[in-house]
């Protein structure tokens, strides 16, 4: 994996962990963190540039999903107050 690709992967990984850690619910938070860690660990040794790019796109989509769910959970939390 090229240095630029590695830094992009690590940046995506850190962002996904940061966003996952924001869930107010313990169960949602731990599930999201575990899924992110497991997915990156399972694909740690992928070297093919096309496969890396495909996985990066999957990661970006998953990050968008996490952010949408987080926004929804936080808005529900405020509505219940």
Foldseek 3Di string as FASTA:
>chain_A
DDPVLVVLVVVLLVLQLVLLCLAPDPVSSVVSNVVSVVVCVVCVPDDDPVVSVVVSVVSVVVSVVSNVVRVVRVVVVVVVD
